[in-house]
Structures are given as structure tokens and as C-alpha cells.
Protein backbone atom coordinates (compact mmCIF):
# COMPACT_ATOMS: atom_id res chain seq x y z
CA MET A 1 23.85 25.65 48.27
CA LYS A 2 23.90 28.64 45.67
CA LYS A 3 26.11 26.62 43.32
CA LYS A 4 24.10 23.39 43.24
CA GLN A 5 21.14 25.63 42.28
CA ALA A 6 23.12 27.51 39.72
CA ASN A 7 24.02 24.44 38.18
CA GLU A 8 20.81 22.91 38.17
CA ALA A 9 19.53 26.21 36.57
CA ASN A 10 22.26 26.44 33.95
CA GLU A 11 21.34 22.26 33.28
CA ALA A 12 17.74 22.90 33.22
CA ASN A 13 18.36 26.03 30.48
CA GLU A 14 20.71 23.52 28.53
CA ALA A 15 17.99 21.29 28.43
CA ASN A 16 15.47 24.09 27.42
CA GLU A 17 18.00 25.01 24.35
CA ALA A 18 18.56 21.19 23.04
CA ASN A 19 14.58 21.06 23.42
CA GLU A 20 14.15 24.33 21.20
CA ALA A 21 16.65 23.24 19.06
CA ASN A 22 14.88 19.75 18.49
CA GLU A 23 11.90 21.29 17.75
CA ALA A 24 13.27 23.78 15.25
CA ASN A 25 15.15 20.68 13.74
CA GLU A 26 11.44 18.97 13.53
CA ALA A 27 9.80 21.71 12.38
CA ASN A 28 12.15 22.25 9.46
CA GLU A 29 12.34 19.03 8.36
CA ALA A 30 8.44 19.23 8.11
CA SER A 31 8.56 22.28 6.59
CA LYS A 32 11.05 20.02 4.04
CA GLN A 33 8.78 16.90 3.22
CA ALA A 34 5.80 19.45 3.01
CA SER A 35 7.69 21.45 0.22
CA LYS A 36 9.07 18.16 -1.65
CA GLN A 37 4.99 17.30 -1.37
CA ALA A 38 3.92 20.44 -3.09
CA SER A 39 7.00 20.40 -5.52
CA LYS A 40 5.99 16.44 -6.40
CA ARG A 41 2.11 17.95 -6.41
CA SER A 42 3.32 21.04 -8.59
CA LYS A 43 5.51 18.36 -11.43
CA ARG A 44 2.04 16.33 -11.79
CA SER A 45 -0.43 19.59 -12.27
CA LYS A 46 2.50 20.43 -14.56
CA GLN A 47 2.37 16.84 -16.41
CA ALA A 48 -1.10 16.75 -16.67
CA ASN A 49 -1.41 20.24 -18.39
CA GLU A 50 1.12 19.39 -20.82
CA ALA A 51 -1.33 16.26 -21.59
CA ASN A 52 -4.40 18.09 -21.24
CA GLU A 53 -3.06 20.29 -24.26
CA ALA A 54 -1.50 17.73 -26.10
CA ASN A 55 -5.26 16.06 -26.21
CA GLU A 56 -6.38 19.11 -27.37
CA ALA A 57 -4.00 19.37 -30.60
CA SER A 58 -5.25 15.37 -31.23
CA LYS A 59 -8.24 16.60 -30.89
CA GLN A 60 -8.03 19.48 -33.44
CA ALA A 61 -5.73 17.91 -36.03
CA ASN A 62 -8.50 14.94 -35.67
CA GLU A 63 -11.40 17.61 -36.54
CA ALA A 64 -9.13 19.14 -39.23
CA ASN A 65 -8.61 15.74 -40.83
CA LYS A 66 -12.40 14.80 -40.98
CA GLU A 67 -12.61 18.20 -42.73
CA SER A 68 -10.15 17.38 -45.25
CA SER A 69 -11.76 14.05 -45.60
CA ARG A 70 -14.86 15.70 -46.04
CA THR A 71 -13.69 17.51 -48.93
CA ASN A 72 -12.01 15.16 -50.31
CA LYS A 73 -15.14 13.13 -50.39
CA MET A 74 -17.06 15.76 -52.17
CA ILE A 75 -14.19 16.45 -54.82
CA LEU A 76 -13.97 12.86 -55.66
């Protein structure tokens, strides 16, 4: 009887360890997915920042061109 109880206890322990390992794997997978999503958001944010900077540079160049055009009209 004690052997049977010991076997059952061992099986229960093994099952618990397997469940804990599965839960850890699931948590790791969820963490990986969250990290990938954060990386994608970071890349999109970086691209948006670069586009904003390019737009700002374009605005400044347009403004400089307008000013140059005004100056040229005054000269002519």
C-alpha cells in the first residue's frame, strides 16, 4: 500500500512539474509575442518620426524657396 501511495505521489509530482513547465513555456511564448509586437511598434514609431522629420525639412525648404522667389521678384 505504501508503495502504491508513493507511486501515486511521484506521478502527481511529475504531473505538477509538467504543468509548471508548460505554464512557463506558455508564459515565455507570450513574452516573445509581446516583445515582437513592441519591436514592430518601435519600428513604426521610428519610421513615423523619420517621415515627420522629412516633412519638416521639406516645409523649411519650401519656405526658403518662397522667400527666394520673393527676393527674385523684387530684384526683377
